[in-house]
Amino acid sequence: EISFKIPKEHIPREKIKQVEIFLDSHKRWFISITYEIETPDHVDNGLYQVFDLGVSQTAGVNIHGKTVLFTHRRADLYWKMKIEEVQGKRDHCKKGSHKWKWYDQKLKQMKRKQANQLKDFQHWLSKQIVENTKANTIIIGDLNVKKMAKKKKGTGNARKTKAQKTLNHSVHNTGFMSRFAEFLTYKSEKIGKRVIRIGEEKTTKTCCKCGESSKRALYERVITCDCGNQINRDLNSSFNIMVKFLEMKKAGVFDFLLHQPSMTEESFLLNNEWNGFLRQTDLLDLTIEVYS
């Protein structure tokens, strides 16, 4: 017989539907409690916030053109060398020996701490984003994580190859585009907000000011265009995603957004500092890339 207390301030007892007790692979006991909560309906208040979900940082821009940049706590990089060191020592021991088991247990503990720290940060950041934006509609880019994380052959350029390896490692360790998007979505729904995902095709390669599209190396974190535009790579993508979203909204793609196009939206689209994507891209051909 197992007894435990349910914190009244967090879980309403009358809403509990199911309780499960299980043992995980690390021989730790957990209690999973499923309960119902009432969520308010989404109301389109005419305010929109875009976020470009990156590995090392998350960039955002709102309908008024104001930007924000969150630098991520890279727990994966902090633990990487420590884990590799312990793994190397373990691999030099006879498998199954007392010393091998000790290092193996140590390795599992370190990986568990790394995973927990990454997850905790994603919870914290998603909460900050959802609770501190006035917009009831949050737009994020939808990237193919599996494609991003797929190993690629060397480029012949040491710097580019290193950047690609770093991206592969980071995407595998953070799972940022999928798990973070899920955190944003359910936290938004709890308070009556909504997350919309749209395809990110061309948003990174295209200069938000002039619309010129060019291939950019992964290590180029600041875009310097021939038109004179110099901007953070992720902020550039955020502006392009916002322009793309507003054009798709005008075309009636999002029938659940009832707020009529406003002067604020038109002003954003007419601003030559960041409407280059609109002037150089046929956006309406990309409307099938919507995930909401």
C-alpha atoms as a PDB file:
ATOM      1  CA  GLU A   1       0.000   0.000   0.000  1.00  0.00           C
ATOM      2  CA  ILE A   2       1.340   3.426  -1.047  1.00  0.00           C
ATOM      3  CA  SER A   3       0.015   6.673   0.383  1.00  0.00           C
ATOM      4  CA  PHE A   4       0.823  10.218  -0.708  1.00  0.00           C
ATOM      5  CA  LYS A   5      -0.509  13.733  -0.358  1.00  0.00           C
ATOM      6  CA  ILE A   6      -1.896  15.761  -3.236  1.00  0.00           C
ATOM      7  CA  PRO A   7      -1.101  19.491  -3.028  1.00  0.00           C
ATOM      8  CA  LYS A   8      -4.524  21.121  -2.892  1.00  0.00           C
ATOM      9  CA  GLU A   9      -3.337  24.444  -4.294  1.00  0.00           C
ATOM     10  CA  HIS A  10      -2.133  22.853  -7.547  1.00  0.00           C
ATOM     11  CA  ILE A  11      -4.458  19.933  -8.277  1.00  0.00           C
ATOM     12  CA  PRO A  12      -8.213  20.148  -7.608  1.00  0.00           C
ATOM     13  CA  ARG A  13      -9.146  16.710  -6.251  1.00  0.00           C
ATOM     14  CA  GLU A  14     -12.604  16.711  -7.792  1.00  0.00           C
ATOM     15  CA  LYS A  15     -11.035  17.095 -11.265  1.00  0.00           C
ATOM     16  CA  ILE A  16      -8.702  14.081 -11.001  1.00  0.00           C
ATOM     17  CA  LYS A  17      -9.469  11.459 -13.663  1.00  0.00           C
ATOM     18  CA  GLN A  18      -6.573   9.000 -13.433  1.00  0.00           C
ATOM     19  CA  VAL A  19      -3.559   8.215 -11.239  1.00  0.00           C
ATOM     20  CA  GLU A  20      -0.653   6.027 -12.408  1.00  0.00           C
ATOM     21  CA  ILE A  21       2.437   4.860 -10.514  1.00  0.00           C
ATOM     22  CA  PHE A  22       5.457   3.704 -12.519  1.00  0.00           C
ATOM     23  CA  LEU A  23       9.173   2.935 -12.254  1.00  0.00           C
ATOM     24  CA  ASP A  24      11.450   4.545 -14.846  1.00  0.00           C
ATOM     25  CA  SER A  25      14.679   3.212 -16.379  1.00  0.00           C
ATOM     26  CA  HIS A  26      16.708   4.864 -13.603  1.00  0.00           C
ATOM     27  CA  LYS A  27      14.730   2.940 -10.957  1.00  0.00           C
ATOM     28  CA  ARG A  28      12.896   6.042  -9.761  1.00  0.00           C
ATOM     29  CA  TRP A  29       9.244   5.950  -8.761  1.00  0.00           C
ATOM     30  CA  PHE A  30       6.841   8.477 -10.253  1.00  0.00           C
ATOM     31  CA  ILE A  31       3.167   9.283  -9.818  1.00  0.00           C
ATOM     32  CA  SER A  32       1.335  10.553 -12.899  1.00  0.00           C
ATOM     33  CA  ILE A  33      -1.921  12.389 -12.189  1.00  0.00           C
ATOM     34  CA  THR A  34      -4.338  13.248 -14.999  1.00  0.00           C
ATOM     35  CA  TYR A  35      -6.931  15.912 -14.262  1.00  0.00           C
ATOM     36  CA  GLU A  36      -9.205  18.285 -16.135  1.00  0.00           C
ATOM     37  CA  ILE A  37      -8.830  22.038 -16.305  1.00  0.00           C
ATOM     38  CA  GLU A  38     -11.099  24.624 -17.878  1.00  0.00           C
ATOM     39  CA  THR A  39      -9.394  26.792 -20.486  1.00  0.00           C
ATOM     40  CA  PRO A  40     -10.771  30.110 -21.751  1.00  0.00           C
ATOM     41  CA  ASP A  41     -11.586  30.475 -25.443  1.00  0.00           C
ATOM     42  CA  HIS A  42      -9.079  32.212 -27.678  1.00  0.00           C
ATOM     43  CA  VAL A  43      -9.997  35.815 -28.479  1.00  0.00           C
ATOM     44  CA  ASP A  44      -8.203  37.549 -31.348  1.00  0.00           C
ATOM     45  CA  ASN A  45      -7.263  40.924 -29.845  1.00  0.00           C
ATOM     46  CA  GLY A  46      -5.479  42.143 -32.972  1.00  0.00           C
ATOM     47  CA  LEU A  47      -2.044  41.837 -31.376  1.00  0.00           C
ATOM     48  CA  TYR A  48       0.433  39.340 -32.819  1.00  0.00           C
ATOM     49  CA  GLN A  49       3.869  38.185 -31.672  1.00  0.00           C
ATOM     50  CA  VAL A  50       6.334  36.170 -33.761  1.00  0.00           C
ATOM     51  CA  PHE A  51       9.164  34.058 -32.346  1.00  0.00           C
ATOM     52  CA  ASP A  52      11.951  32.406 -34.296  1.00  0.00           C
ATOM     53  CA  LEU A  53      13.001  29.381 -32.251  1.00  0.00           C
ATOM     54  CA  GLY A  54      16.755  28.983 -32.489  1.00  0.00           C
ATOM     55  CA  VAL A  55      19.221  26.651 -30.802  1.00  0.00           C
ATOM     56  CA  SER A  56      21.317  29.313 -29.075  1.00  0.00           C
ATOM     57  CA  GLN A  57      18.703  32.065 -28.886  1.00  0.00           C
ATOM     58  CA  THR A  58      15.040  32.862 -29.486  1.00  0.00           C
ATOM     59  CA  ALA A  59      14.216  36.068 -31.347  1.00  0.00           C
ATOM     60  CA  GLY A  60      10.864  37.810 -31.399  1.00  0.00           C
ATOM     61  CA  VAL A  61       9.082  40.737 -33.028  1.00  0.00           C
ATOM     62  CA  ASN A  62       5.588  42.072 -32.357  1.00  0.00           C
ATOM     63  CA  ILE A  63       3.046  43.781 -34.605  1.00  0.00           C
ATOM     64  CA  HIS A  64       4.496  47.193 -33.665  1.00  0.00           C
ATOM     65  CA  GLY A  65       7.996  46.200 -34.832  1.00  0.00           C
ATOM     66  CA  LYS A  66       9.477  45.946 -31.340  1.00  0.00           C
ATOM     67  CA  THR A  67      12.025  43.157 -30.950  1.00  0.00           C
ATOM     68  CA  VAL A  68      13.251  40.900 -28.158  1.00  0.00           C
ATOM     69  CA  LEU A  69      16.140  38.437 -27.999  1.00  0.00           C
ATOM     70  CA  PHE A  70      16.513  35.626 -25.443  1.00  0.00           C
ATOM     71  CA  THR A  71      19.952  34.016 -25.109  1.00  0.00           C
ATOM     72  CA  HIS A  72      19.650  30.379 -24.062  1.00  0.00           C
ATOM     73  CA  ARG A  73      21.386  28.699 -21.169  1.00  0.00           C
ATOM     74  CA  ARG A  74      23.372  26.025 -22.982  1.00  0.00           C
ATOM     75  CA  ALA A  75      23.347  23.168 -20.483  1.00  0.00           C
ATOM     76  CA  ASP A  76      24.191  20.773 -23.320  1.00  0.00           C
ATOM     77  CA  LEU A  77      27.483  22.578 -23.995  1.00  0.00           C
ATOM     78  CA  TYR A  78      28.280  22.802 -20.275  1.00  0.00           C
ATOM     79  CA  TRP A  79      27.922  19.035 -19.850  1.00  0.00           C
ATOM     80  CA  LYS A  80      29.364  17.967 -23.218  1.00  0.00           C
ATOM     81  CA  MET A  81      33.072  17.837 -22.223  1.00  0.00           C
ATOM     82  CA  LYS A  82      32.310  16.452 -18.764  1.00  0.00           C
ATOM     83  CA  ILE A  83      30.242  13.634 -20.238  1.00  0.00           C
ATOM     84  CA  GLU A  84      32.860  12.849 -22.890  1.00  0.00           C
ATOM     85  CA  GLU A  85      35.569  12.691 -20.207  1.00  0.00           C
ATOM     86  CA  VAL A  86      33.654  10.210 -18.034  1.00  0.00           C
ATOM     87  CA  GLN A  87      32.602   8.203 -21.076  1.00  0.00           C
ATOM     88  CA  GLY A  88      36.241   7.933 -22.182  1.00  0.00           C
ATOM     89  CA  LYS A  89      37.287   6.641 -18.752  1.00  0.00           C
ATOM     90  CA  ARG A  90      34.450   4.115 -18.715  1.00  0.00           C
ATOM     91  CA  ASP A  91      35.322   2.830 -22.182  1.00  0.00           C
ATOM     92  CA  HIS A  92      38.886   2.102 -21.035  1.00  0.00           C
ATOM     93  CA  CYS A  93      37.575  -0.218 -18.323  1.00  0.00           C
ATOM     94  CA  LYS A  94      36.561  -3.819 -18.784  1.00  0.00           C
ATOM     95  CA  LYS A  95      32.839  -3.897 -19.501  1.00  0.00           C
ATOM     96  CA  GLY A  96      30.897  -5.208 -16.518  1.00  0.00           C
ATOM     97  CA  SER A  97      33.731  -4.615 -14.045  1.00  0.00           C
ATOM     98  CA  HIS A  98      33.173  -2.713 -10.802  1.00  0.00           C
ATOM     99  CA  LYS A  99      34.967   0.359 -12.159  1.00  0.00           C
ATOM    100  CA  TRP A 100      33.077   0.218 -15.462  1.00  0.00           C
ATOM    101  CA  LYS A 101      29.745   0.091 -13.575  1.00  0.00           C
ATOM    102  CA  TRP A 102      30.764   3.041 -11.405  1.00  0.00           C
ATOM    103  CA  TYR A 103      31.603   5.221 -14.420  1.00  0.00           C
ATOM    104  CA  ASP A 104      28.488   4.032 -16.240  1.00  0.00           C
ATOM    105  CA  GLN A 105      26.292   5.068 -13.318  1.00  0.00           C
ATOM    106  CA  LYS A 106      28.092   8.413 -13.145  1.00  0.00           C
ATOM    107  CA  LEU A 107      27.512   8.903 -16.860  1.00  0.00           C
ATOM    108  CA  LYS A 108      23.783   8.253 -16.527  1.00  0.00           C
ATOM    109  CA  GLN A 109      23.528  10.744 -13.669  1.00  0.00           C
ATOM    110  CA  MET A 110      25.276  13.451 -15.687  1.00  0.00           C
ATOM    111  CA  LYS A 111      23.087  12.886 -18.732  1.00  0.00           C
ATOM    112  CA  ARG A 112      20.005  12.997 -16.531  1.00  0.00           C
ATOM    113  CA  LYS A 113      21.106  16.331 -15.016  1.00  0.00           C
ATOM    114  CA  GLN A 114      21.779  17.731 -18.473  1.00  0.00           C
ATOM    115  CA  ALA A 115      18.335  16.698 -19.727  1.00  0.00           C
ATOM    116  CA  ASN A 116      16.604  18.120 -16.643  1.00  0.00           C
ATOM    117  CA  GLN A 117      18.412  21.456 -16.909  1.00  0.00           C
ATOM    118  CA  LEU A 118      17.529  21.788 -20.587  1.00  0.00           C
ATOM    119  CA  LYS A 119      13.892  20.963 -19.898  1.00  0.00           C
ATOM    120  CA  ASP A 120      13.694  23.334 -16.920  1.00  0.00           C
ATOM    121  CA  PHE A 121      15.024  26.200 -19.024  1.00  0.00           C
ATOM    122  CA  GLN A 122      12.508  25.523 -21.784  1.00  0.00           C
ATOM    123  CA  HIS A 123       9.696  25.539 -19.221  1.00  0.00           C
ATOM    124  CA  TRP A 124      10.962  28.834 -17.794  1.00  0.00           C
ATOM    125  CA  LEU A 125      11.397  30.544 -21.166  1.00  0.00           C
ATOM    126  CA  SER A 126       8.039  29.394 -22.564  1.00  0.00           C
ATOM    127  CA  LYS A 127       6.321  30.703 -19.415  1.00  0.00           C
ATOM    128  CA  GLN A 128       8.098  34.070 -19.739  1.00  0.00           C
ATOM    129  CA  ILE A 129       7.038  34.376 -23.372  1.00  0.00           C
ATOM    130  CA  VAL A 130       3.391  33.428 -22.854  1.00  0.00           C
ATOM    131  CA  GLU A 131       2.800  35.492 -19.711  1.00  0.00           C
ATOM    132  CA  ASN A 132       4.670  38.638 -20.774  1.00  0.00           C
ATOM    133  CA  THR A 133       3.276  39.209 -24.247  1.00  0.00           C
ATOM    134  CA  LYS A 134       0.052  41.186 -24.673  1.00  0.00           C
ATOM    135  CA  ALA A 135      -0.662  39.342 -27.918  1.00  0.00           C
ATOM    136  CA  ASN A 136      -3.274  36.591 -27.756  1.00  0.00           C
ATOM    137  CA  THR A 137      -1.843  35.028 -30.912  1.00  0.00           C
ATOM    138  CA  ILE A 138       1.756  33.787 -31.025  1.00  0.00           C
ATOM    139  CA  ILE A 139       3.318  32.745 -34.328  1.00  0.00           C
ATOM    140  CA  ILE A 140       6.330  30.462 -34.558  1.00  0.00           C
ATOM    141  CA  GLY A 141       8.201  28.935 -37.447  1.00  0.00           C
ATOM    142  CA  ASP A 142       7.796  25.236 -38.074  1.00  0.00           C
ATOM    143  CA  LEU A 143      11.101  23.540 -38.899  1.00  0.00           C
ATOM    144  CA  ASN A 144      11.785  19.910 -39.753  1.00  0.00           C
ATOM    145  CA  VAL A 145      13.936  18.935 -36.748  1.00  0.00           C
ATOM    146  CA  LYS A 146      14.781  15.473 -38.092  1.00  0.00           C
ATOM    147  CA  LYS A 147      16.041  17.006 -41.323  1.00  0.00           C
ATOM    148  CA  MET A 148      18.073  19.595 -39.414  1.00  0.00           C
ATOM    149  CA  ALA A 149      19.645  16.969 -37.181  1.00  0.00           C
ATOM    150  CA  LYS A 150      20.517  14.584 -39.998  1.00  0.00           C
ATOM    151  CA  LYS A 151      24.274  14.140 -40.323  1.00  0.00           C
ATOM    152  CA  LYS A 152      25.818  15.700 -43.392  1.00  0.00           C
ATOM    153  CA  LYS A 153      29.133  15.124 -45.100  1.00  0.00           C
ATOM    154  CA  GLY A 154      31.997  17.537 -44.599  1.00  0.00           C
ATOM    155  CA  THR A 155      31.883  20.659 -46.722  1.00  0.00           C
ATOM    156  CA  GLY A 156      35.619  20.976 -47.259  1.00  0.00           C
ATOM    157  CA  ASN A 157      35.527  24.145 -45.197  1.00  0.00           C
ATOM    158  CA  ALA A 158      36.602  23.416 -41.611  1.00  0.00           C
ATOM    159  CA  ARG A 159      34.592  26.297 -40.171  1.00  0.00           C
ATOM    160  CA  LYS A 160      31.392  25.306 -41.992  1.00  0.00           C
ATOM    161  CA  THR A 161      31.812  21.630 -41.105  1.00  0.00           C
ATOM    162  CA  LYS A 162      32.311  22.508 -37.428  1.00  0.00           C
ATOM    163  CA  ALA A 163      29.215  24.728 -37.496  1.00  0.00           C
ATOM    164  CA  GLN A 164      27.164  21.893 -39.020  1.00  0.00           C
ATOM    165  CA  LYS A 165      28.390  19.418 -36.389  1.00  0.00           C
ATOM    166  CA  THR A 166      27.544  21.912 -33.633  1.00  0.00           C
ATOM    167  CA  LEU A 167      24.027  22.331 -35.027  1.00  0.00           C
ATOM    168  CA  ASN A 168      23.526  18.549 -35.236  1.00  0.00           C
ATOM    169  CA  HIS A 169      24.676  18.142 -31.617  1.00  0.00           C
ATOM    170  CA  SER A 170      22.567  21.036 -30.381  1.00  0.00           C
ATOM    171  CA  VAL A 171      19.350  19.986 -32.104  1.00  0.00           C
ATOM    172  CA  HIS A 172      19.686  16.420 -30.828  1.00  0.00           C
ATOM    173  CA  ASN A 173      20.261  17.635 -27.265  1.00  0.00           C
ATOM    174  CA  THR A 174      17.667  20.390 -27.052  1.00  0.00           C
ATOM    175  CA  GLY A 175      14.824  19.039 -29.173  1.00  0.00           C
ATOM    176  CA  PHE A 176      14.002  22.730 -29.255  1.00  0.00           C
ATOM    177  CA  MET A 177      11.706  22.973 -32.250  1.00  0.00           C
ATOM    178  CA  SER A 178       9.380  20.217 -31.079  1.00  0.00           C
ATOM    179  CA  ARG A 179       9.379  20.163 -27.276  1.00  0.00           C
ATOM    180  CA  PHE A 180       9.648  23.934 -26.848  1.00  0.00           C
ATOM    181  CA  ALA A 181       6.793  24.455 -29.312  1.00  0.00           C
ATOM    182  CA  GLU A 182       4.686  22.020 -27.279  1.00  0.00           C
ATOM    183  CA  PHE A 183       5.451  23.923 -24.061  1.00  0.00           C
ATOM    184  CA  LEU A 184       4.472  27.202 -25.712  1.00  0.00           C
ATOM    185  CA  THR A 185       1.266  25.700 -27.077  1.00  0.00           C
ATOM    186  CA  TYR A 186      -0.156  24.192 -23.909  1.00  0.00           C
ATOM    187  CA  LYS A 187       0.887  27.145 -21.731  1.00  0.00           C
ATOM    188  CA  SER A 188      -0.841  29.473 -24.199  1.00  0.00           C
ATOM    189  CA  GLU A 189      -4.031  27.420 -24.284  1.00  0.00           C
ATOM    190  CA  LYS A 190      -4.257  27.472 -20.478  1.00  0.00           C
ATOM    191  CA  ILE A 191      -4.710  31.249 -20.484  1.00  0.00           C
ATOM    192  CA  GLY A 192      -6.745  31.630 -23.680  1.00  0.00           C
ATOM    193  CA  LYS A 193      -3.944  32.308 -26.146  1.00  0.00           C
ATOM    194  CA  ARG A 194      -3.119  30.428 -29.330  1.00  0.00           C
ATOM    195  CA  VAL A 195       0.061  29.331 -31.081  1.00  0.00           C
ATOM    196  CA  ILE A 196       0.178  29.179 -34.880  1.00  0.00           C
ATOM    197  CA  ARG A 197       3.004  27.445 -36.734  1.00  0.00           C
ATOM    198  CA  ILE A 198       3.837  28.393 -40.303  1.00  0.00           C
ATOM    199  CA  GLY A 199       6.538  27.146 -42.653  1.00  0.00           C
ATOM    200  CA  GLU A 200       9.891  28.946 -42.465  1.00  0.00           C
ATOM    201  CA  GLU A 201      10.934  28.451 -46.071  1.00  0.00           C
ATOM    202  CA  LYS A 202      13.111  31.341 -47.318  1.00  0.00           C
ATOM    203  CA  THR A 203      12.718  33.370 -44.111  1.00  0.00           C
ATOM    204  CA  THR A 204      16.352  32.915 -43.054  1.00  0.00           C
ATOM    205  CA  LYS A 205      17.975  33.340 -46.464  1.00  0.00           C
ATOM    206  CA  THR A 206      16.016  36.469 -47.398  1.00  0.00           C
ATOM    207  CA  CYS A 207      17.093  39.941 -46.261  1.00  0.00           C
ATOM    208  CA  CYS A 208      14.119  41.477 -44.465  1.00  0.00           C
ATOM    209  CA  LYS A 209      14.921  44.942 -45.880  1.00  0.00           C
ATOM    210  CA  CYS A 210      15.568  44.432 -49.599  1.00  0.00           C
ATOM    211  CA  GLY A 211      14.320  40.889 -50.192  1.00  0.00           C
ATOM    212  CA  GLU A 212      17.613  39.672 -51.653  1.00  0.00           C
ATOM    213  CA  SER A 213      17.981  35.933 -51.057  1.00  0.00           C
ATOM    214  CA  SER A 214      21.371  34.297 -50.581  1.00  0.00           C
ATOM    215  CA  LYS A 215      22.778  31.184 -48.950  1.00  0.00           C
ATOM    216  CA  ARG A 216      24.169  31.917 -45.496  1.00  0.00           C
ATOM    217  CA  ALA A 217      26.632  29.828 -43.489  1.00  0.00           C
ATOM    218  CA  LEU A 218      25.537  28.593 -40.058  1.00  0.00           C
ATOM    219  CA  TYR A 219      28.267  30.561 -38.298  1.00  0.00           C
ATOM    220  CA  GLU A 220      26.989  33.859 -39.773  1.00  0.00           C
ATOM    221  CA  ARG A 221      24.933  35.066 -36.807  1.00  0.00           C
ATOM    222  CA  VAL A 222      24.727  38.642 -38.123  1.00  0.00           C
ATOM    223  CA  ILE A 223      23.465  39.244 -41.647  1.00  0.00           C
ATOM    224  CA  THR A 224      25.252  41.949 -43.622  1.00  0.00           C
ATOM    225  CA  CYS A 225      23.476  42.617 -46.906  1.00  0.00           C
ATOM    226  CA  ASP A 226      24.622  44.658 -49.916  1.00  0.00           C
ATOM    227  CA  CYS A 227      21.663  46.993 -49.317  1.00  0.00           C
ATOM    228  CA  GLY A 228      23.330  48.116 -46.072  1.00  0.00           C
ATOM    229  CA  ASN A 229      21.088  46.122 -43.764  1.00  0.00           C
ATOM    230  CA  GLN A 230      22.932  44.599 -40.800  1.00  0.00           C
ATOM    231  CA  ILE A 231      20.770  42.542 -38.466  1.00  0.00           C
ATOM    232  CA  ASN A 232      20.814  39.513 -36.183  1.00  0.00           C
ATOM    233  CA  ARG A 233      20.083  36.397 -38.234  1.00  0.00           C
ATOM    234  CA  ASP A 234      17.183  35.251 -36.032  1.00  0.00           C
ATOM    235  CA  LEU A 235      15.600  38.711 -35.835  1.00  0.00           C
ATOM    236  CA  ASN A 236      15.764  38.886 -39.630  1.00  0.00           C
ATOM    237  CA  SER A 237      13.855  35.617 -39.796  1.00  0.00           C
ATOM    238  CA  SER A 238      11.296  36.897 -37.255  1.00  0.00           C
ATOM    239  CA  PHE A 239      10.490  39.951 -39.388  1.00  0.00           C
ATOM    240  CA  ASN A 240      10.050  37.742 -42.450  1.00  0.00           C
ATOM    241  CA  ILE A 241       7.764  35.336 -40.587  1.00  0.00           C
ATOM    242  CA  MET A 242       5.603  38.252 -39.379  1.00  0.00           C
ATOM    243  CA  VAL A 243       5.293  39.643 -42.918  1.00  0.00           C
ATOM    244  CA  LYS A 244       4.408  36.195 -44.213  1.00  0.00           C
ATOM    245  CA  PHE A 245       1.819  35.688 -41.461  1.00  0.00           C
ATOM    246  CA  LEU A 246       0.114  39.057 -42.073  1.00  0.00           C
ATOM    247  CA  GLU A 247      -0.127  38.413 -45.807  1.00  0.00           C
ATOM    248  CA  MET A 248      -1.621  34.976 -45.181  1.00  0.00           C
ATOM    249  CA  LYS A 249      -4.087  36.510 -42.712  1.00  0.00           C
ATOM    250  CA  LYS A 250      -5.172  39.045 -45.345  1.00  0.00           C
ATOM    251  CA  ALA A 251      -5.717  36.162 -47.763  1.00  0.00           C
ATOM    252  CA  GLY A 252      -8.116  34.514 -45.292  1.00  0.00           C
ATOM    253  CA  VAL A 253      -5.923  31.526 -44.452  1.00  0.00           C
ATOM    254  CA  PHE A 254      -6.668  31.793 -40.722  1.00  0.00           C
ATOM    255  CA  ASP A 255     -10.470  31.731 -40.534  1.00  0.00           C
ATOM    256  CA  PHE A 256     -10.319  31.570 -36.721  1.00  0.00           C
ATOM    257  CA  LEU A 257      -8.700  35.026 -36.529  1.00  0.00           C
ATOM    258  CA  LEU A 258     -11.752  37.274 -36.519  1.00  0.00           C
ATOM    259  CA  HIS A 259     -10.051  40.623 -35.958  1.00  0.00           C
ATOM    260  CA  GLN A 260     -10.237  42.713 -39.131  1.00  0.00           C
ATOM    261  CA  PRO A 261      -6.973  43.959 -40.697  1.00  0.00           C
ATOM    262  CA  SER A 262      -5.906  47.100 -38.855  1.00  0.00           C
ATOM    263  CA  MET A 263      -3.826  50.175 -39.618  1.00  0.00           C
ATOM    264  CA  THR A 264      -1.116  48.673 -37.413  1.00  0.00           C
ATOM    265  CA  GLU A 265      -0.916  45.607 -39.660  1.00  0.00           C
ATOM    266  CA  GLU A 266      -0.829  47.737 -42.798  1.00  0.00           C
ATOM    267  CA  SER A 267       1.866  49.948 -41.291  1.00  0.00           C
ATOM    268  CA  PHE A 268       3.990  46.888 -40.567  1.00  0.00           C
ATOM    269  CA  LEU A 269       3.635  45.633 -44.142  1.00  0.00           C
ATOM    270  CA  LEU A 270       4.414  49.068 -45.610  1.00  0.00           C
ATOM    271  CA  ASN A 271       7.574  49.614 -43.564  1.00  0.00           C
ATOM    272  CA  ASN A 272      10.527  49.431 -45.965  1.00  0.00           C
ATOM    273  CA  GLU A 273      12.881  48.522 -43.126  1.00  0.00           C
ATOM    274  CA  TRP A 274      11.478  44.988 -42.970  1.00  0.00           C
ATOM    275  CA  ASN A 275       9.026  44.267 -45.821  1.00  0.00           C
ATOM    276  CA  GLY A 276      11.625  42.998 -48.284  1.00  0.00           C
ATOM    277  CA  PHE A 277      10.255  39.463 -47.972  1.00  0.00           C
ATOM    278  CA  LEU A 278       6.878  40.716 -49.189  1.00  0.00           C
ATOM    279  CA  ARG A 279       8.312  42.545 -52.195  1.00  0.00           C
ATOM    280  CA  GLN A 280      10.412  39.620 -53.426  1.00  0.00           C
ATOM    281  CA  THR A 281       8.398  36.504 -52.489  1.00  0.00           C
ATOM    282  CA  ASP A 282       5.115  35.070 -53.776  1.00  0.00           C
ATOM    283  CA  LEU A 283       3.692  34.414 -50.317  1.00  0.00           C
ATOM    284  CA  LEU A 284       0.305  33.145 -51.390  1.00  0.00           C
ATOM    285  CA  ASP A 285       1.866  30.068 -52.983  1.00  0.00           C
ATOM    286  CA  LEU A 286       3.155  29.059 -49.533  1.00  0.00           C
ATOM    287  CA  THR A 287      -0.164  29.050 -47.650  1.00  0.00           C
ATOM    288  CA  ILE A 288      -0.256  25.249 -47.457  1.00  0.00           C
ATOM    289  CA  GLU A 289       2.593  25.391 -44.923  1.00  0.00           C
ATOM    290  CA  VAL A 290       0.274  26.222 -42.028  1.00  0.00           C
ATOM    291  CA  TYR A 291       0.175  24.238 -38.784  1.00  0.00           C
ATOM    292  CA  SER A 292      -2.133  25.442 -36.024  1.00  0.00           C
END
